Each structure stands twice: as C-alpha cells, then as structure tokens.
Amino acid sequence: MARSGGHTVSVQRISVVGNAGSGKTTVASRLADALGIPRLELDSVFHQPGWQPLDTETFREKVAAFTTGPRWVVDGNYSAVRDIIWDRADTVVWVDPPRYRVMRQLTWRTLRRMATRAELWNGNRESWRFLFRRDESIIAWAWTSHRKYRERYARAQADQAHSHLTFIRLRTPGESAELLRAAADSHGGQADTSKPSHFP
C-alpha cells in the first residue's frame, strides 16, 4: 500500500504523526477502519480525568502492551513512548499540511468542541478558558509547534536509526485520500487481518 523507491512495501504496524489540527487522527481512524486493524489514540491514554497526565511508567506500559500486537495503528506524537512505537512499527505516516490549513482546521474544531461541550477522553472537555490562557491553548501550541514538528520528522526520516521505517508524508487532502483509497483497495473492500497490507 506504500511506495518506497518504486517498490511495494508491506504495511502492518503504522505510526501516524503530525501537528495538532493536521488531521492525523482522522487519517489514523480511517486507515485503521480500511485495513480492519486496531487503533490507539495516545491522547486517550495520556489525558486522564480532569486533564491529569498519566505517569510515564504506566503510559509506556500501556503503549508497549498495545504494540505487541501483529497489526495496529497508533496516533500521536508523544516523545515518552516514541521509541517503543517506532522500534516496532514498519511505517510512519506523517500528516504535514501547511500551517495555514492546520490553524484553520484546528480553530474550527476547537470552537465546535467548546460550543457543543463534546467529550474527548475520560470525561475531558475543552473549555473556553483555553482560548485565553497561553499555557492551555491548543491553538497557540499548534502555531508554535508547527516548525518544530517539521524539523523533528524531517530529521527522523533522514536518520539511519530509522532505516527500517517507511515514511509517507501527506501534505494535501488529495494525498491523504489517495492513501486511504489504496488501503481500502488492498483489502478489496473487506478487512483481512491475517495478511499484511500492501500500498502499491
């Protein structure tokens, strides 16, 4: 399902990364659905009730337990568990739209969640106060983190320590849609969890 140097690549364990608001969770969810494999959203594990962070040891244990499976999708950027995920992954899908698109998507998403009081993980909801406190604003975080994530994943892609990983960088909605179509086509519209997927 992925192409690397003109060759078809077997895909079984996928890490999906990218800035907040980039669309990584949507891509990860649809990719897991298309392939018929389990997905773990790291935010749902890390953010405990009342937005309290899970302690690092337990966080790593939970992620390690999930990634022992033969096929999976993990969605998130947490450096505390990246070594566990990437050591076991074969593919990194890097969702990297331009900053203006990230900010537009994130702003509307945040306002919608606040207005509807949508529950995210473990009873947590985004609060209107998050708009006015820089240390709690996901919008401010995404603006300042955009370049950091680009530099981080560009370096990671070039690092020989990650030579076992195939990086797929998605910059546009069209590229994301093409990847998801390939994932669905790899199963002929049906999930078969006993065989590896191929992105042609």
C-alpha atoms as a PDB file:
ATOM      1  CA  MET A   1       0.000   0.000   0.000  1.00  0.00           C
ATOM      2  CA  ALA A   2       3.007   2.349   0.306  1.00  0.00           C
ATOM      3  CA  ARG A   3       5.594   3.031  -2.353  1.00  0.00           C
ATOM      4  CA  SER A   4       9.244   3.422  -1.461  1.00  0.00           C
ATOM      5  CA  GLY A   5      11.812   3.802  -4.216  1.00  0.00           C
ATOM      6  CA  GLY A   6       9.338   2.364  -6.716  1.00  0.00           C
ATOM      7  CA  HIS A   7       8.775  -0.829  -4.714  1.00  0.00           C
ATOM      8  CA  THR A   8       5.675  -2.062  -2.945  1.00  0.00           C
ATOM      9  CA  VAL A   9       6.002  -2.004   0.846  1.00  0.00           C
ATOM     10  CA  SER A  10       4.332  -4.359   3.321  1.00  0.00           C
ATOM     11  CA  VAL A  11       2.429  -2.405   5.960  1.00  0.00           C
ATOM     12  CA  GLN A  12       1.334  -3.918   9.263  1.00  0.00           C
ATOM     13  CA  ARG A  13       2.257  -1.527  12.100  1.00  0.00           C
ATOM     14  CA  ILE A  14       1.681   2.160  11.480  1.00  0.00           C
ATOM     15  CA  SER A  15       2.566   5.273  13.482  1.00  0.00           C
ATOM     16  CA  VAL A  16       0.591   8.360  12.440  1.00  0.00           C
ATOM     17  CA  VAL A  17       2.154  11.681  13.472  1.00  0.00           C
ATOM     18  CA  GLY A  18       1.652  15.390  12.825  1.00  0.00           C
ATOM     19  CA  ASN A  19       0.762  18.694  14.432  1.00  0.00           C
ATOM     20  CA  ALA A  20      -2.469  19.242  16.360  1.00  0.00           C
ATOM     21  CA  GLY A  21      -5.145  20.046  13.800  1.00  0.00           C
ATOM     22  CA  SER A  22      -3.236  18.457  10.932  1.00  0.00           C
ATOM     23  CA  GLY A  23      -5.838  15.742  10.503  1.00  0.00           C
ATOM     24  CA  LYS A  24      -3.700  12.895  11.827  1.00  0.00           C
ATOM     25  CA  THR A  25      -6.449  11.386  13.988  1.00  0.00           C
ATOM     26  CA  THR A  26      -8.876  11.388  11.068  1.00  0.00           C
ATOM     27  CA  VAL A  27      -6.282   9.733   8.833  1.00  0.00           C
ATOM     28  CA  ALA A  28      -5.380   7.206  11.538  1.00  0.00           C
ATOM     29  CA  SER A  29      -9.013   6.315  12.218  1.00  0.00           C
ATOM     30  CA  ARG A  30      -9.899   5.876   8.551  1.00  0.00           C
ATOM     31  CA  LEU A  31      -6.708   3.959   7.863  1.00  0.00           C
ATOM     32  CA  ALA A  32      -7.414   1.534  10.704  1.00  0.00           C
ATOM     33  CA  ASP A  33     -11.002   1.103   9.502  1.00  0.00           C
ATOM     34  CA  ALA A  34      -9.885   0.492   5.919  1.00  0.00           C
ATOM     35  CA  LEU A  35      -7.350  -2.124   6.990  1.00  0.00           C
ATOM     36  CA  GLY A  36      -9.531  -3.684   9.680  1.00  0.00           C
ATOM     37  CA  ILE A  37      -6.899  -3.332  12.393  1.00  0.00           C
ATOM     38  CA  PRO A  38      -6.951  -1.854  15.920  1.00  0.00           C
ATOM     39  CA  ARG A  39      -6.041   1.777  16.596  1.00  0.00           C
ATOM     40  CA  LEU A  40      -4.712   3.508  19.694  1.00  0.00           C
ATOM     41  CA  GLU A  41      -5.042   7.279  20.125  1.00  0.00           C
ATOM     42  CA  LEU A  42      -2.279   8.289  22.519  1.00  0.00           C
ATOM     43  CA  ASP A  43      -4.215  11.313  23.790  1.00  0.00           C
ATOM     44  CA  SER A  44      -6.916   8.985  25.082  1.00  0.00           C
ATOM     45  CA  VAL A  45      -4.358   7.162  27.207  1.00  0.00           C
ATOM     46  CA  PHE A  46      -2.297  10.124  28.396  1.00  0.00           C
ATOM     47  CA  HIS A  47      -5.123  12.514  29.364  1.00  0.00           C
ATOM     48  CA  GLN A  48      -6.764  11.108  32.465  1.00  0.00           C
ATOM     49  CA  PRO A  49      -9.912  12.605  34.092  1.00  0.00           C
ATOM     50  CA  GLY A  50      -9.547  16.300  34.829  1.00  0.00           C
ATOM     51  CA  TRP A  51      -6.818  16.555  32.174  1.00  0.00           C
ATOM     52  CA  GLN A  52      -4.372  14.918  34.579  1.00  0.00           C
ATOM     53  CA  PRO A  53      -1.402  13.336  32.782  1.00  0.00           C
ATOM     54  CA  LEU A  54      -0.792   9.633  33.125  1.00  0.00           C
ATOM     55  CA  ASP A  55       2.527   8.872  34.784  1.00  0.00           C
ATOM     56  CA  THR A  56       5.280   7.986  32.316  1.00  0.00           C
ATOM     57  CA  GLU A  57       5.871   4.439  33.536  1.00  0.00           C
ATOM     58  CA  THR A  58       2.208   3.461  33.190  1.00  0.00           C
ATOM     59  CA  PHE A  59       1.944   5.291  29.861  1.00  0.00           C
ATOM     60  CA  ARG A  60       4.852   3.286  28.476  1.00  0.00           C
ATOM     61  CA  GLU A  61       3.438   0.031  29.826  1.00  0.00           C
ATOM     62  CA  LYS A  62       0.063   0.595  28.145  1.00  0.00           C
ATOM     63  CA  VAL A  63       1.630   1.538  24.817  1.00  0.00           C
ATOM     64  CA  ALA A  64       4.031  -1.402  24.981  1.00  0.00           C
ATOM     65  CA  ALA A  65       1.137  -3.787  25.640  1.00  0.00           C
ATOM     66  CA  PHE A  66      -0.846  -2.480  22.663  1.00  0.00           C
ATOM     67  CA  THR A  67       2.076  -2.572  20.234  1.00  0.00           C
ATOM     68  CA  THR A  68       2.877  -6.209  20.932  1.00  0.00           C
ATOM     69  CA  GLY A  69       0.053  -6.987  18.514  1.00  0.00           C
ATOM     70  CA  PRO A  70       0.889  -8.039  14.950  1.00  0.00           C
ATOM     71  CA  ARG A  71      -1.004  -5.208  13.237  1.00  0.00           C
ATOM     72  CA  TRP A  72      -2.021  -1.781  14.515  1.00  0.00           C
ATOM     73  CA  VAL A  73      -2.246   1.965  14.016  1.00  0.00           C
ATOM     74  CA  VAL A  74      -1.010   4.349  16.727  1.00  0.00           C
ATOM     75  CA  ASP A  75      -1.913   8.029  16.528  1.00  0.00           C
ATOM     76  CA  GLY A  76       0.147  10.666  18.355  1.00  0.00           C
ATOM     77  CA  ASN A  77       3.480  12.430  18.861  1.00  0.00           C
ATOM     78  CA  TYR A  78       4.489  11.689  22.452  1.00  0.00           C
ATOM     79  CA  SER A  79       8.267  11.517  22.796  1.00  0.00           C
ATOM     80  CA  ALA A  80       7.900   9.488  26.010  1.00  0.00           C
ATOM     81  CA  VAL A  81       6.722   6.468  24.012  1.00  0.00           C
ATOM     82  CA  ARG A  82       8.072   7.112  20.520  1.00  0.00           C
ATOM     83  CA  ASP A  83      10.940   4.666  20.944  1.00  0.00           C
ATOM     84  CA  ILE A  84       8.523   1.854  21.792  1.00  0.00           C
ATOM     85  CA  ILE A  85       6.250   2.595  18.846  1.00  0.00           C
ATOM     86  CA  TRP A  86       8.909   3.207  16.213  1.00  0.00           C
ATOM     87  CA  ASP A  87      11.025   0.219  17.235  1.00  0.00           C
ATOM     88  CA  ARG A  88       8.013  -1.985  16.448  1.00  0.00           C
ATOM     89  CA  ALA A  89       6.464  -0.035  13.551  1.00  0.00           C
ATOM     90  CA  ASP A  90       7.203  -0.563   9.875  1.00  0.00           C
ATOM     91  CA  THR A  91       5.573   2.640   8.604  1.00  0.00           C
ATOM     92  CA  VAL A  92       5.287   6.270   9.729  1.00  0.00           C
ATOM     93  CA  VAL A  93       2.506   8.314   8.154  1.00  0.00           C
ATOM     94  CA  TRP A  94       3.434  11.977   8.631  1.00  0.00           C
ATOM     95  CA  VAL A  95       0.427  14.263   8.131  1.00  0.00           C
ATOM     96  CA  ASP A  96       2.002  17.622   7.258  1.00  0.00           C
ATOM     97  CA  PRO A  97      -0.318  20.210   5.687  1.00  0.00           C
ATOM     98  CA  PRO A  98       0.782  23.863   5.545  1.00  0.00           C
ATOM     99  CA  ARG A  99       0.427  25.914   8.717  1.00  0.00           C
ATOM    100  CA  TYR A 100      -2.492  27.991   7.445  1.00  0.00           C
ATOM    101  CA  ARG A 101      -4.560  24.843   6.865  1.00  0.00           C
ATOM    102  CA  VAL A 102      -3.634  23.431  10.266  1.00  0.00           C
ATOM    103  CA  MET A 103      -4.691  26.638  12.012  1.00  0.00           C
ATOM    104  CA  ARG A 104      -7.966  26.877  10.099  1.00  0.00           C
ATOM    105  CA  GLN A 105      -8.897  23.266  10.815  1.00  0.00           C
ATOM    106  CA  LEU A 106      -7.839  23.454  14.443  1.00  0.00           C
ATOM    107  CA  THR A 107      -9.625  26.744  15.177  1.00  0.00           C
ATOM    108  CA  TRP A 108     -12.954  25.472  13.838  1.00  0.00           C
ATOM    109  CA  ARG A 109     -12.534  22.128  15.567  1.00  0.00           C
ATOM    110  CA  THR A 110     -11.735  23.768  18.902  1.00  0.00           C
ATOM    111  CA  LEU A 111     -14.636  26.225  18.729  1.00  0.00           C
ATOM    112  CA  ARG A 112     -17.041  23.431  17.780  1.00  0.00           C
ATOM    113  CA  ARG A 113     -15.905  21.267  20.673  1.00  0.00           C
ATOM    114  CA  MET A 114     -16.247  24.142  23.105  1.00  0.00           C
ATOM    115  CA  ALA A 115     -19.682  25.137  21.841  1.00  0.00           C
ATOM    116  CA  THR A 116     -21.061  21.587  21.904  1.00  0.00           C
ATOM    117  CA  ARG A 117     -19.249  20.545  25.094  1.00  0.00           C
ATOM    118  CA  ALA A 118     -18.127  17.425  23.277  1.00  0.00           C
ATOM    119  CA  GLU A 119     -16.475  14.822  25.479  1.00  0.00           C
ATOM    120  CA  LEU A 120     -13.000  13.900  24.288  1.00  0.00           C
ATOM    121  CA  TRP A 121     -11.297  11.311  26.522  1.00  0.00           C
ATOM    122  CA  ASN A 122     -12.082  10.168  30.051  1.00  0.00           C
ATOM    123  CA  GLY A 123     -14.729  12.829  30.600  1.00  0.00           C
ATOM    124  CA  ASN A 124     -12.496  15.713  29.482  1.00  0.00           C
ATOM    125  CA  ARG A 125     -13.890  18.636  27.536  1.00  0.00           C
ATOM    126  CA  GLU A 126     -12.257  21.693  26.026  1.00  0.00           C
ATOM    127  CA  SER A 127     -13.047  24.852  27.970  1.00  0.00           C
ATOM    128  CA  TRP A 128     -13.498  28.429  26.785  1.00  0.00           C
ATOM    129  CA  ARG A 129     -10.733  29.438  29.174  1.00  0.00           C
ATOM    130  CA  PHE A 130      -8.303  27.539  26.958  1.00  0.00           C
ATOM    131  CA  LEU A 131      -8.654  30.351  24.407  1.00  0.00           C
ATOM    132  CA  PHE A 132      -7.309  32.963  26.798  1.00  0.00           C
ATOM    133  CA  ARG A 133      -4.533  31.145  28.642  1.00  0.00           C
ATOM    134  CA  ARG A 134      -1.449  30.680  26.509  1.00  0.00           C
ATOM    135  CA  ASP A 135      -0.220  27.732  28.562  1.00  0.00           C
ATOM    136  CA  GLU A 136      -3.507  25.857  27.933  1.00  0.00           C
ATOM    137  CA  SER A 137      -4.330  26.952  24.380  1.00  0.00           C
ATOM    138  CA  ILE A 138      -4.100  24.169  21.811  1.00  0.00           C
ATOM    139  CA  ILE A 139      -4.260  26.855  19.118  1.00  0.00           C
ATOM    140  CA  ALA A 140      -1.176  28.646  20.450  1.00  0.00           C
ATOM    141  CA  TRP A 141       0.531  25.289  20.871  1.00  0.00           C
ATOM    142  CA  ALA A 142      -0.093  24.307  17.257  1.00  0.00           C
ATOM    143  CA  TRP A 143       1.144  27.643  15.910  1.00  0.00           C
ATOM    144  CA  THR A 144       4.432  27.466  17.800  1.00  0.00           C
ATOM    145  CA  SER A 145       4.899  23.706  17.292  1.00  0.00           C
ATOM    146  CA  HIS A 146       4.432  23.592  13.530  1.00  0.00           C
ATOM    147  CA  ARG A 147       8.060  24.248  12.625  1.00  0.00           C
ATOM    148  CA  LYS A 148       9.280  22.054  15.482  1.00  0.00           C
ATOM    149  CA  TYR A 149       7.360  19.047  14.195  1.00  0.00           C
ATOM    150  CA  ARG A 150       8.524  19.590  10.626  1.00  0.00           C
ATOM    151  CA  GLU A 151      12.146  19.727  11.711  1.00  0.00           C
ATOM    152  CA  ARG A 152      11.727  16.730  14.035  1.00  0.00           C
ATOM    153  CA  TYR A 153      10.208  14.412  11.468  1.00  0.00           C
ATOM    154  CA  ALA A 154      12.453  15.562   8.629  1.00  0.00           C
ATOM    155  CA  ARG A 155      15.470  14.674  10.798  1.00  0.00           C
ATOM    156  CA  ALA A 156      13.882  11.374  11.809  1.00  0.00           C
ATOM    157  CA  GLN A 157      13.233  10.440   8.191  1.00  0.00           C
ATOM    158  CA  ALA A 158      16.889  11.030   7.334  1.00  0.00           C
ATOM    159  CA  ASP A 159      18.210   9.205  10.411  1.00  0.00           C
ATOM    160  CA  GLN A 160      19.727   5.799   9.638  1.00  0.00           C
ATOM    161  CA  ALA A 161      18.484   4.607  13.023  1.00  0.00           C
ATOM    162  CA  HIS A 162      15.025   4.634  11.423  1.00  0.00           C
ATOM    163  CA  SER A 163      16.016   2.902   8.197  1.00  0.00           C
ATOM    164  CA  HIS A 164      13.555   0.086   8.962  1.00  0.00           C
ATOM    165  CA  LEU A 165      10.683   2.578   8.710  1.00  0.00           C
ATOM    166  CA  THR A 166       8.934   3.702   5.556  1.00  0.00           C
ATOM    167  CA  PHE A 167       7.909   7.368   5.854  1.00  0.00           C
ATOM    168  CA  ILE A 168       4.819   8.534   3.982  1.00  0.00           C
ATOM    169  CA  ARG A 169       4.421  12.325   4.088  1.00  0.00           C
ATOM    170  CA  LEU A 170       0.933  13.663   3.389  1.00  0.00           C
ATOM    171  CA  ARG A 171       0.826  17.379   2.555  1.00  0.00           C
ATOM    172  CA  THR A 172      -2.575  17.717   0.889  1.00  0.00           C
ATOM    173  CA  PRO A 173      -6.096  16.305   1.302  1.00  0.00           C
ATOM    174  CA  GLY A 174      -5.625  14.644  -2.077  1.00  0.00           C
ATOM    175  CA  GLU A 175      -2.582  12.732  -0.887  1.00  0.00           C
ATOM    176  CA  SER A 176      -4.447  11.604   2.230  1.00  0.00           C
ATOM    177  CA  ALA A 177      -7.413  10.469   0.144  1.00  0.00           C
ATOM    178  CA  GLU A 178      -5.129   8.548  -2.210  1.00  0.00           C
ATOM    179  CA  LEU A 179      -3.508   6.710   0.689  1.00  0.00           C
ATOM    180  CA  LEU A 180      -6.891   5.785   2.163  1.00  0.00           C
ATOM    181  CA  ARG A 181      -8.137   4.554  -1.215  1.00  0.00           C
ATOM    182  CA  ALA A 182      -5.042   2.380  -1.535  1.00  0.00           C
ATOM    183  CA  ALA A 183      -5.643   0.993   1.945  1.00  0.00           C
ATOM    184  CA  ALA A 184      -9.238   0.118   1.111  1.00  0.00           C
ATOM    185  CA  ASP A 185      -8.267  -1.377  -2.258  1.00  0.00           C
ATOM    186  CA  SER A 186      -5.607  -3.549  -0.615  1.00  0.00           C
ATOM    187  CA  HIS A 187      -8.444  -5.492   1.013  1.00  0.00           C
ATOM    188  CA  GLY A 188     -10.886  -5.325  -1.845  1.00  0.00           C
ATOM    189  CA  GLY A 189     -13.313  -3.513   0.461  1.00  0.00           C
ATOM    190  CA  GLN A 190     -13.077  -6.247   3.091  1.00  0.00           C
ATOM    191  CA  ALA A 191     -10.863  -6.432   6.162  1.00  0.00           C
ATOM    192  CA  ASP A 192      -8.482  -9.379   6.326  1.00  0.00           C
ATOM    193  CA  THR A 193      -6.426  -9.123   9.486  1.00  0.00           C
ATOM    194  CA  SER A 194      -4.451 -12.312   8.819  1.00  0.00           C
ATOM    195  CA  LYS A 195      -2.344 -10.873   5.975  1.00  0.00           C
ATOM    196  CA  PRO A 196      -0.086  -7.830   5.646  1.00  0.00           C
ATOM    197  CA  SER A 197      -1.351  -4.907   3.617  1.00  0.00           C
ATOM    198  CA  HIS A 198       0.486  -3.527   0.612  1.00  0.00           C
ATOM    199  CA  PHE A 199       0.389   0.033  -0.643  1.00  0.00           C
ATOM    200  CA  PRO A 200       1.087  -0.271  -4.422  1.00  0.00           C
END
